[in-house]
Amino acid sequence: MKSTVVIVDDCKALHDLVAASLADDGYIIDHAYDGASGLAMVRAMRPQLVLLDLDLPDLNGIEVCQQLKGNPATAGIGVIFLTVSGSADDRVRGLQLSPADYVVKPFDPRELSLRVRMALRTIHMANLLEHAGLGVRDATDIMGSHGIPKLCLWQMIQARSQNPWHRISPSKTLKIVPPV
C-alpha cells in the first residue's frame, strides 16, 4: 500500500520541489496552501505524513500541529516541519510537539527523501504496536529516538551481539517480549 503525504506550504515552487524529490519513492502526494485547508485535508484524508511549514498565511504550523496532535483521530499522523524558520526558539517550539522531524529550508532533496522514509517507518512501527494492543499515544511514547520501539531494543541487541549481520523484521520483533 502506498503512503500518502500531504504538503502544507504557501509556496507552489516548494510543492513542486518536494513532489519531485519524493516522486521516485511512490508516495501519493496531496497539496494544501494554507493551514486551515491543510488541517481540513488531513482530517478528511488521514494521510500517514504531513510536511508542514511554520509560516502559513492563516493558521501557523504550530497551531496546525497542536490541533492534529490534540485530536485522537489525527494524533497518530506523522508531521515533519519543513520550514525556513531555523532559529533555536522555533525549533524548540516545534520539537515540543513531538513531530517526526524538523527540516530547515533550503534542504537537500535526497536528505528529505530519506527523512520521509524514516518517519514513515517509525509511523508504521507505531501502527504495529497499536494493533498489538497499545494506543496511539502509548505507541508514540515508547518509540526510541531512532524509530525503534524500546520494548524491542533488548531483542535486537541480543540478536546483533550473536550475529551483527542479522536483521530482525518489525513483525517478528513485536512477537518477542523482553525479560522484565
N, C-alpha and C. Protein backbone atom coordinates (compact mmCIF):
# COMPACT_ATOMS: atom_id res chain seq x y z
N MET A 1 0.83 -1.17 0.00
CA MET A 1 0.00 0.00 0.00
C MET A 1 0.88 1.25 0.00
N LYS A 2 0.55 2.20 -0.84
CA LYS A 2 1.32 3.43 -0.93
C LYS A 2 0.98 4.36 0.22
N SER A 3 1.99 5.02 0.73
CA SER A 3 1.79 6.00 1.80
C SER A 3 1.37 7.33 1.19
N THR A 4 0.50 8.03 1.91
CA THR A 4 0.04 9.35 1.48
C THR A 4 0.76 10.42 2.29
N VAL A 5 1.28 11.42 1.57
CA VAL A 5 1.99 12.54 2.17
C VAL A 5 1.27 13.81 1.75
N VAL A 6 0.93 14.67 2.71
CA VAL A 6 0.30 15.96 2.40
C VAL A 6 1.33 17.06 2.67
N ILE A 7 1.52 17.92 1.68
CA ILE A 7 2.42 19.06 1.81
C ILE A 7 1.55 20.29 2.13
N VAL A 8 1.85 20.95 3.24
CA VAL A 8 1.12 22.16 3.62
C VAL A 8 2.13 23.31 3.65
N ASP A 9 2.10 24.10 2.60
CA ASP A 9 3.03 25.22 2.45
C ASP A 9 2.41 26.22 1.49
N ASP A 10 2.68 27.51 1.69
CA ASP A 10 2.08 28.53 0.83
C ASP A 10 2.88 28.80 -0.44
N CYS A 11 3.97 28.09 -0.66
CA CYS A 11 4.83 28.31 -1.82
C CYS A 11 4.66 27.16 -2.83
N LYS A 12 4.11 27.47 -4.00
CA LYS A 12 3.89 26.44 -5.01
C LYS A 12 5.21 25.83 -5.49
N ALA A 13 6.26 26.64 -5.59
CA ALA A 13 7.56 26.13 -6.03
C ALA A 13 8.07 25.06 -5.07
N LEU A 14 7.82 25.24 -3.77
CA LEU A 14 8.25 24.24 -2.80
C LEU A 14 7.46 22.95 -3.00
N HIS A 15 6.17 23.07 -3.27
CA HIS A 15 5.35 21.88 -3.53
C HIS A 15 5.94 21.10 -4.70
N ASP A 16 6.30 21.80 -5.76
CA ASP A 16 6.87 21.15 -6.94
C ASP A 16 8.20 20.47 -6.62
N LEU A 17 9.05 21.16 -5.86
CA LEU A 17 10.36 20.60 -5.49
C LEU A 17 10.20 19.35 -4.62
N VAL A 18 9.33 19.42 -3.62
CA VAL A 18 9.13 18.27 -2.73
C VAL A 18 8.51 17.11 -3.50
N ALA A 19 7.51 17.39 -4.32
CA ALA A 19 6.88 16.33 -5.12
C ALA A 19 7.91 15.66 -6.02
N ALA A 20 8.78 16.46 -6.64
CA ALA A 20 9.83 15.89 -7.49
C ALA A 20 10.82 15.06 -6.66
N SER A 21 11.13 15.54 -5.46
CA SER A 21 12.07 14.82 -4.58
C SER A 21 11.53 13.47 -4.15
N LEU A 22 10.21 13.38 -3.99
CA LEU A 22 9.59 12.15 -3.49
C LEU A 22 8.99 11.29 -4.60
N ALA A 23 9.07 11.76 -5.85
CA ALA A 23 8.41 11.07 -6.97
C ALA A 23 8.87 9.63 -7.12
N ASP A 24 10.15 9.39 -6.99
CA ASP A 24 10.68 8.03 -7.19
C ASP A 24 10.32 7.08 -6.06
N ASP A 25 9.85 7.60 -4.93
CA ASP A 25 9.53 6.76 -3.79
C ASP A 25 8.11 6.21 -3.82
N GLY A 26 7.30 6.67 -4.78
CA GLY A 26 5.97 6.09 -4.98
C GLY A 26 4.90 6.54 -4.01
N TYR A 27 5.07 7.67 -3.37
CA TYR A 27 4.06 8.16 -2.44
C TYR A 27 2.91 8.82 -3.20
N ILE A 28 1.75 8.83 -2.59
CA ILE A 28 0.64 9.63 -3.08
C ILE A 28 0.80 10.98 -2.40
N ILE A 29 0.88 12.04 -3.19
CA ILE A 29 1.16 13.36 -2.64
C ILE A 29 -0.02 14.28 -2.91
N ASP A 30 -0.49 14.95 -1.84
CA ASP A 30 -1.55 15.95 -1.96
C ASP A 30 -1.03 17.27 -1.44
N HIS A 31 -1.71 18.35 -1.83
CA HIS A 31 -1.21 19.69 -1.56
C HIS A 31 -2.26 20.57 -0.90
N ALA A 32 -1.81 21.37 0.07
CA ALA A 32 -2.63 22.43 0.66
C ALA A 32 -1.73 23.65 0.79
N TYR A 33 -2.31 24.83 0.60
CA TYR A 33 -1.51 26.04 0.54
C TYR A 33 -1.71 26.98 1.73
N ASP A 34 -2.51 26.56 2.71
CA ASP A 34 -2.64 27.33 3.94
C ASP A 34 -3.00 26.36 5.07
N GLY A 35 -2.91 26.86 6.30
CA GLY A 35 -3.12 26.00 7.46
C GLY A 35 -4.52 25.43 7.58
N ALA A 36 -5.53 26.26 7.35
CA ALA A 36 -6.92 25.81 7.51
C ALA A 36 -7.28 24.73 6.49
N SER A 37 -6.91 24.93 5.23
CA SER A 37 -7.23 23.91 4.23
C SER A 37 -6.37 22.66 4.43
N GLY A 38 -5.14 22.85 4.90
CA GLY A 38 -4.30 21.70 5.21
C GLY A 38 -4.88 20.87 6.34
N LEU A 39 -5.35 21.54 7.37
CA LEU A 39 -5.96 20.87 8.51
C LEU A 39 -7.21 20.10 8.07
N ALA A 40 -8.04 20.73 7.26
CA ALA A 40 -9.25 20.07 6.76
C ALA A 40 -8.90 18.87 5.90
N MET A 41 -7.89 19.01 5.04
CA MET A 41 -7.48 17.92 4.17
C MET A 41 -6.96 16.74 4.98
N VAL A 42 -6.13 17.03 5.97
CA VAL A 42 -5.55 15.96 6.80
C VAL A 42 -6.65 15.25 7.58
N ARG A 43 -7.59 16.01 8.13
CA ARG A 43 -8.69 15.39 8.88
C ARG A 43 -9.54 14.49 7.97
N ALA A 44 -9.76 14.90 6.74
CA ALA A 44 -10.59 14.13 5.81
C ALA A 44 -9.85 12.92 5.24
N MET A 45 -8.57 13.10 4.88
CA MET A 45 -7.82 12.06 4.18
C MET A 45 -7.11 11.07 5.10
N ARG A 46 -6.70 11.54 6.27
CA ARG A 46 -5.89 10.74 7.21
C ARG A 46 -4.64 10.17 6.53
N PRO A 47 -3.76 11.06 6.03
CA PRO A 47 -2.51 10.59 5.42
C PRO A 47 -1.60 10.01 6.50
N GLN A 48 -0.53 9.38 6.07
CA GLN A 48 0.44 8.87 7.03
C GLN A 48 1.37 9.98 7.52
N LEU A 49 1.60 11.00 6.66
CA LEU A 49 2.59 12.02 6.98
C LEU A 49 2.19 13.38 6.42
N VAL A 50 2.51 14.44 7.17
CA VAL A 50 2.28 15.81 6.74
C VAL A 50 3.62 16.55 6.77
N LEU A 51 3.97 17.17 5.66
CA LEU A 51 5.12 18.07 5.61
C LEU A 51 4.56 19.47 5.81
N LEU A 52 4.92 20.11 6.91
CA LEU A 52 4.22 21.30 7.37
C LEU A 52 5.16 22.48 7.57
N ASP A 53 4.84 23.59 6.91
CA ASP A 53 5.59 24.83 7.09
C ASP A 53 5.12 25.50 8.38
N LEU A 54 6.00 26.24 9.03
CA LEU A 54 5.61 27.00 10.22
C LEU A 54 4.90 28.29 9.84
N ASP A 55 5.39 28.95 8.79
CA ASP A 55 4.88 30.26 8.39
C ASP A 55 3.83 30.11 7.31
N LEU A 56 2.57 30.08 7.73
CA LEU A 56 1.45 29.96 6.80
C LEU A 56 0.58 31.21 6.92
N PRO A 57 -0.18 31.55 5.88
CA PRO A 57 -0.93 32.80 5.88
C PRO A 57 -2.05 32.90 6.93
N ASP A 58 -2.62 31.81 7.36
CA ASP A 58 -3.71 31.89 8.34
C ASP A 58 -3.29 31.23 9.65
N LEU A 59 -3.54 29.95 9.81
CA LEU A 59 -3.06 29.21 10.98
C LEU A 59 -1.58 28.90 10.75
N ASN A 60 -0.74 29.12 11.75
CA ASN A 60 0.66 28.76 11.55
C ASN A 60 0.84 27.25 11.79
N GLY A 61 2.00 26.74 11.42
CA GLY A 61 2.26 25.31 11.52
C GLY A 61 2.18 24.77 12.94
N ILE A 62 2.56 25.59 13.92
CA ILE A 62 2.47 25.17 15.32
C ILE A 62 1.01 24.91 15.68
N GLU A 63 0.13 25.85 15.29
CA GLU A 63 -1.30 25.69 15.59
C GLU A 63 -1.89 24.48 14.88
N VAL A 64 -1.50 24.28 13.63
CA VAL A 64 -1.99 23.12 12.88
C VAL A 64 -1.55 21.83 13.57
N CYS A 65 -0.27 21.76 13.93
CA CYS A 65 0.25 20.55 14.58
C CYS A 65 -0.43 20.33 15.93
N GLN A 66 -0.64 21.38 16.71
CA GLN A 66 -1.31 21.24 18.01
C GLN A 66 -2.71 20.67 17.83
N GLN A 67 -3.43 21.13 16.80
CA GLN A 67 -4.78 20.63 16.56
C GLN A 67 -4.75 19.17 16.12
N LEU A 68 -3.77 18.81 15.29
CA LEU A 68 -3.66 17.41 14.86
C LEU A 68 -3.32 16.50 16.03
N LYS A 69 -2.34 16.90 16.83
CA LYS A 69 -1.90 16.06 17.96
C LYS A 69 -2.93 16.04 19.08
N GLY A 70 -3.77 17.06 19.16
CA GLY A 70 -4.79 17.12 20.20
C GLY A 70 -6.06 16.36 19.88
N ASN A 71 -6.19 15.87 18.67
CA ASN A 71 -7.37 15.13 18.25
C ASN A 71 -7.02 13.65 18.16
N PRO A 72 -7.66 12.78 18.93
CA PRO A 72 -7.32 11.35 18.90
C PRO A 72 -7.39 10.73 17.50
N ALA A 73 -8.25 11.27 16.65
CA ALA A 73 -8.39 10.71 15.30
C ALA A 73 -7.19 11.04 14.41
N THR A 74 -6.45 12.12 14.72
CA THR A 74 -5.32 12.50 13.89
C THR A 74 -3.99 12.51 14.64
N ALA A 75 -4.01 12.16 15.93
CA ALA A 75 -2.80 12.22 16.75
C ALA A 75 -1.68 11.33 16.23
N GLY A 76 -2.02 10.22 15.58
CA GLY A 76 -1.01 9.29 15.09
C GLY A 76 -0.43 9.64 13.75
N ILE A 77 -0.91 10.71 13.12
CA ILE A 77 -0.39 11.12 11.82
C ILE A 77 0.95 11.82 12.05
N GLY A 78 1.95 11.41 11.30
CA GLY A 78 3.28 12.00 11.45
C GLY A 78 3.35 13.39 10.86
N VAL A 79 4.16 14.23 11.48
CA VAL A 79 4.38 15.60 11.00
C VAL A 79 5.88 15.82 10.88
N ILE A 80 6.30 16.32 9.74
CA ILE A 80 7.66 16.82 9.59
C ILE A 80 7.54 18.30 9.33
N PHE A 81 8.11 19.10 10.22
CA PHE A 81 8.15 20.54 9.96
C PHE A 81 9.19 20.77 8.87
N LEU A 82 8.79 21.47 7.83
CA LEU A 82 9.66 21.78 6.70
C LEU A 82 9.58 23.29 6.53
N THR A 83 10.56 24.00 7.08
CA THR A 83 10.40 25.44 7.23
C THR A 83 11.72 26.18 7.11
N VAL A 84 11.64 27.45 6.78
CA VAL A 84 12.81 28.30 6.74
C VAL A 84 13.17 28.79 8.14
N SER A 85 12.26 28.62 9.09
CA SER A 85 12.45 29.07 10.48
C SER A 85 13.39 28.12 11.20
N GLY A 86 14.66 28.45 11.18
CA GLY A 86 15.66 27.58 11.80
C GLY A 86 16.21 28.10 13.10
N SER A 87 15.59 29.15 13.66
CA SER A 87 16.08 29.68 14.93
C SER A 87 15.89 28.64 16.03
N ALA A 88 16.70 28.76 17.05
CA ALA A 88 16.61 27.82 18.17
C ALA A 88 15.22 27.85 18.81
N ASP A 89 14.65 29.05 18.96
CA ASP A 89 13.32 29.17 19.57
C ASP A 89 12.26 28.45 18.73
N ASP A 90 12.30 28.64 17.41
CA ASP A 90 11.33 27.97 16.53
C ASP A 90 11.50 26.45 16.56
N ARG A 91 12.75 26.00 16.53
CA ARG A 91 13.00 24.55 16.57
C ARG A 91 12.48 23.96 17.88
N VAL A 92 12.75 24.62 18.99
CA VAL A 92 12.30 24.12 20.29
C VAL A 92 10.78 24.09 20.35
N ARG A 93 10.12 25.18 19.90
CA ARG A 93 8.65 25.22 19.90
C ARG A 93 8.09 24.09 19.04
N GLY A 94 8.69 23.86 17.90
CA GLY A 94 8.22 22.80 17.02
C GLY A 94 8.48 21.42 17.59
N LEU A 95 9.67 21.20 18.11
CA LEU A 95 10.04 19.88 18.63
C LEU A 95 9.28 19.51 19.90
N GLN A 96 8.77 20.51 20.62
CA GLN A 96 7.97 20.22 21.82
C GLN A 96 6.66 19.52 21.46
N LEU A 97 6.25 19.59 20.20
CA LEU A 97 5.01 18.96 19.76
C LEU A 97 5.24 17.52 19.29
N SER A 98 6.43 17.01 19.44
CA SER A 98 6.80 15.64 19.06
C SER A 98 6.55 15.33 17.58
N PRO A 99 7.08 16.17 16.69
CA PRO A 99 6.95 15.82 15.27
C PRO A 99 7.88 14.67 14.93
N ALA A 100 7.71 14.10 13.77
CA ALA A 100 8.61 13.05 13.32
C ALA A 100 9.99 13.62 13.02
N ASP A 101 10.03 14.90 12.58
CA ASP A 101 11.31 15.51 12.24
C ASP A 101 11.12 17.02 12.07
N TYR A 102 12.23 17.72 11.94
CA TYR A 102 12.24 19.17 11.72
C TYR A 102 13.33 19.43 10.70
N VAL A 103 12.95 19.88 9.51
CA VAL A 103 13.90 20.10 8.41
C VAL A 103 13.87 21.58 8.06
N VAL A 104 15.06 22.18 7.96
CA VAL A 104 15.17 23.60 7.65
C VAL A 104 15.45 23.77 6.16
N LYS A 105 14.71 24.72 5.54
CA LYS A 105 14.93 25.08 4.14
C LYS A 105 16.13 26.02 4.08
N PRO A 106 16.94 25.98 3.06
CA PRO A 106 16.92 25.03 1.96
C PRO A 106 17.39 23.66 2.43
N PHE A 107 16.93 22.63 1.76
CA PHE A 107 17.26 21.26 2.14
C PHE A 107 17.76 20.51 0.91
N ASP A 108 18.45 19.42 1.17
CA ASP A 108 18.90 18.54 0.10
C ASP A 108 17.75 17.58 -0.20
N PRO A 109 17.27 17.52 -1.44
CA PRO A 109 16.14 16.64 -1.76
C PRO A 109 16.38 15.17 -1.40
N ARG A 110 17.62 14.71 -1.52
CA ARG A 110 17.92 13.32 -1.15
C ARG A 110 17.76 13.11 0.35
N GLU A 111 18.18 14.10 1.14
CA GLU A 111 18.03 14.01 2.58
C GLU A 111 16.56 14.02 2.97
N LEU A 112 15.78 14.89 2.33
CA LEU A 112 14.35 14.93 2.63
C LEU A 112 13.70 13.58 2.33
N SER A 113 14.06 12.98 1.20
CA SER A 113 13.51 11.67 0.85
C SER A 113 13.83 10.64 1.92
N LEU A 114 15.04 10.64 2.43
CA LEU A 114 15.43 9.70 3.49
C LEU A 114 14.70 10.00 4.80
N ARG A 115 14.54 11.27 5.13
CA ARG A 115 13.85 11.63 6.36
C ARG A 115 12.37 11.24 6.30
N VAL A 116 11.76 11.40 5.13
CA VAL A 116 10.37 10.98 4.95
C VAL A 116 10.28 9.47 5.10
N ARG A 117 11.19 8.74 4.48
CA ARG A 117 11.17 7.28 4.58
C ARG A 117 11.35 6.83 6.02
N MET A 118 12.27 7.47 6.77
CA MET A 118 12.48 7.09 8.17
C MET A 118 11.25 7.42 9.02
N ALA A 119 10.63 8.56 8.77
CA ALA A 119 9.43 8.94 9.52
C ALA A 119 8.30 7.94 9.25
N LEU A 120 8.13 7.56 8.00
CA LEU A 120 7.07 6.60 7.66
C LEU A 120 7.35 5.23 8.28
N ARG A 121 8.61 4.86 8.37
CA ARG A 121 8.96 3.59 9.02
C ARG A 121 8.60 3.65 10.51
N THR A 122 8.88 4.77 11.16
CA THR A 122 8.54 4.93 12.57
C THR A 122 7.03 4.89 12.77
N ILE A 123 6.30 5.56 11.90
CA ILE A 123 4.84 5.57 11.97
C ILE A 123 4.30 4.16 11.78
N HIS A 124 4.88 3.43 10.84
CA HIS A 124 4.46 2.05 10.61
C HIS A 124 4.69 1.20 11.87
N MET A 125 5.83 1.39 12.52
CA MET A 125 6.11 0.66 13.75
C MET A 125 5.10 1.02 14.84
N ALA A 126 4.77 2.30 14.95
CA ALA A 126 3.78 2.72 15.94
C ALA A 126 2.42 2.09 15.64
N ASN A 127 2.07 1.98 14.36
CA ASN A 127 0.80 1.34 14.00
C ASN A 127 0.82 -0.15 14.34
N LEU A 128 1.95 -0.81 14.15
CA LEU A 128 2.06 -2.22 14.53
C LEU A 128 1.86 -2.38 16.04
N LEU A 129 2.47 -1.47 16.80
CA LEU A 129 2.31 -1.52 18.26
C LEU A 129 0.86 -1.27 18.66
N GLU A 130 0.22 -0.34 17.96
CA GLU A 130 -1.19 -0.05 18.26
C GLU A 130 -2.05 -1.28 18.00
N HIS A 131 -1.78 -1.97 16.90
CA HIS A 131 -2.54 -3.19 16.58
C HIS A 131 -2.23 -4.31 17.55
N ALA A 132 -1.10 -4.21 18.24
CA ALA A 132 -0.74 -5.21 19.24
C ALA A 132 -1.40 -4.90 20.60
N GLY A 133 -2.24 -3.83 20.63
CA GLY A 133 -2.98 -3.53 21.84
C GLY A 133 -2.59 -2.26 22.55
N LEU A 134 -1.68 -1.49 22.00
CA LEU A 134 -1.29 -0.22 22.62
C LEU A 134 -1.99 0.92 21.90
N GLY A 135 -2.36 1.98 22.61
CA GLY A 135 -2.98 3.15 21.99
C GLY A 135 -1.97 3.95 21.20
N VAL A 136 -2.45 4.89 20.40
CA VAL A 136 -1.57 5.72 19.58
C VAL A 136 -0.58 6.48 20.45
N ARG A 137 -1.06 7.10 21.52
CA ARG A 137 -0.16 7.86 22.38
C ARG A 137 0.84 6.92 23.06
N ASP A 138 0.39 5.74 23.49
CA ASP A 138 1.31 4.78 24.10
C ASP A 138 2.37 4.36 23.11
N ALA A 139 1.95 4.06 21.88
CA ALA A 139 2.90 3.62 20.86
C ALA A 139 3.92 4.71 20.57
N THR A 140 3.47 5.95 20.51
CA THR A 140 4.38 7.06 20.26
C THR A 140 5.32 7.24 21.43
N ASP A 141 4.82 7.12 22.65
CA ASP A 141 5.65 7.32 23.84
C ASP A 141 6.74 6.27 23.99
N ILE A 142 6.52 5.06 23.49
CA ILE A 142 7.54 4.03 23.70
C ILE A 142 8.48 3.89 22.52
N MET A 143 8.34 4.75 21.51
CA MET A 143 9.26 4.69 20.38
C MET A 143 10.60 5.29 20.81
N GLY A 144 11.67 4.65 20.42
CA GLY A 144 13.00 5.16 20.72
C GLY A 144 13.36 6.29 19.78
N SER A 145 14.51 6.91 20.01
CA SER A 145 14.91 8.07 19.23
C SER A 145 15.25 7.71 17.78
N HIS A 146 15.46 6.45 17.49
CA HIS A 146 15.77 6.03 16.12
C HIS A 146 14.61 5.27 15.49
N GLY A 147 13.43 5.42 16.02
CA GLY A 147 12.27 4.74 15.45
C GLY A 147 12.19 3.29 15.87
N ILE A 148 12.97 2.88 16.87
CA ILE A 148 12.96 1.50 17.34
C ILE A 148 12.16 1.46 18.63
N PRO A 149 11.12 0.64 18.70
CA PRO A 149 10.37 0.56 19.95
C PRO A 149 11.29 0.11 21.09
N LYS A 150 11.20 0.81 22.21
CA LYS A 150 12.05 0.47 23.35
C LYS A 150 11.79 -0.95 23.82
N LEU A 151 10.55 -1.45 23.65
CA LEU A 151 10.25 -2.82 24.03
C LEU A 151 11.06 -3.83 23.25
N CYS A 152 11.41 -3.48 22.02
CA CYS A 152 12.09 -4.43 21.14
C CYS A 152 13.61 -4.27 21.16
N LEU A 153 14.10 -3.22 21.76
CA LEU A 153 15.52 -2.94 21.73
C LEU A 153 16.35 -4.07 22.32
N TRP A 154 15.89 -4.64 23.42
CA TRP A 154 16.63 -5.73 24.05
C TRP A 154 16.83 -6.88 23.08
N GLN A 155 15.77 -7.31 22.39
CA GLN A 155 15.87 -8.43 21.46
C GLN A 155 16.80 -8.11 20.30
N MET A 156 16.75 -6.88 19.81
CA MET A 156 17.62 -6.51 18.69
C MET A 156 19.08 -6.52 19.12
N ILE A 157 19.35 -6.05 20.33
CA ILE A 157 20.73 -6.07 20.84
C ILE A 157 21.20 -7.51 21.00
N GLN A 158 20.32 -8.38 21.53
CA GLN A 158 20.66 -9.79 21.67
C GLN A 158 21.04 -10.41 20.33
N ALA A 159 20.19 -10.21 19.34
CA ALA A 159 20.42 -10.81 18.01
C ALA A 159 21.67 -10.23 17.37
N ARG A 160 21.89 -8.94 17.48
CA ARG A 160 23.06 -8.31 16.87
C ARG A 160 24.35 -8.76 17.56
N SER A 161 24.31 -9.02 18.87
CA SER A 161 25.52 -9.44 19.55
C SER A 161 25.92 -10.85 19.11
N GLN A 162 24.94 -11.67 18.75
CA GLN A 162 25.23 -13.03 18.28
C GLN A 162 25.65 -13.03 16.81
N ASN A 163 25.04 -12.17 16.00
CA ASN A 163 25.35 -12.09 14.58
C ASN A 163 25.11 -10.66 14.13
N PRO A 164 26.18 -9.85 13.95
CA PRO A 164 25.99 -8.43 13.62
C PRO A 164 25.32 -8.19 12.27
N TRP A 165 25.26 -9.20 11.42
CA TRP A 165 24.65 -9.03 10.10
C TRP A 165 23.19 -9.46 10.09
N HIS A 166 22.71 -9.97 11.23
CA HIS A 166 21.33 -10.46 11.33
C HIS A 166 20.35 -9.31 11.35
N ARG A 167 19.31 -9.39 10.55
CA ARG A 167 18.26 -8.37 10.51
C ARG A 167 16.99 -8.97 11.10
N ILE A 168 16.29 -8.18 11.91
CA ILE A 168 15.04 -8.63 12.50
C ILE A 168 13.93 -7.77 11.92
N SER A 169 12.91 -8.42 11.37
CA SER A 169 11.79 -7.65 10.83
C SER A 169 10.93 -7.15 11.98
N PRO A 170 10.27 -5.98 11.79
CA PRO A 170 9.41 -5.45 12.86
C PRO A 170 8.32 -6.42 13.29
N SER A 171 7.74 -7.15 12.35
CA SER A 171 6.66 -8.06 12.72
C SER A 171 7.16 -9.20 13.59
N LYS A 172 8.38 -9.69 13.35
CA LYS A 172 8.93 -10.75 14.20
C LYS A 172 9.32 -10.19 15.56
N THR A 173 9.86 -9.00 15.58
CA THR A 173 10.32 -8.39 16.83
C THR A 173 9.16 -8.14 17.77
N LEU A 174 8.00 -7.75 17.23
CA LEU A 174 6.88 -7.42 18.08
C LEU A 174 6.33 -8.63 18.83
N LYS A 175 6.62 -9.84 18.35
CA LYS A 175 6.12 -11.05 19.00
C LYS A 175 6.96 -11.41 20.22
N ILE A 176 8.12 -10.78 20.36
CA ILE A 176 9.05 -11.13 21.43
C ILE A 176 8.88 -10.13 22.57
N VAL A 177 8.69 -10.65 23.77
CA VAL A 177 8.56 -9.78 24.94
C VAL A 177 9.88 -9.85 25.69
N PRO A 178 10.51 -8.68 25.95
CA PRO A 178 11.80 -8.68 26.65
C PRO A 178 11.64 -9.10 28.10
N PRO A 179 12.70 -9.62 28.69
CA PRO A 179 12.61 -10.00 30.11
C PRO A 179 12.41 -8.77 30.97
N VAL A 180 11.70 -8.94 32.05
CA VAL A 180 11.42 -7.82 32.96
C VAL A 180 12.47 -7.73 34.03
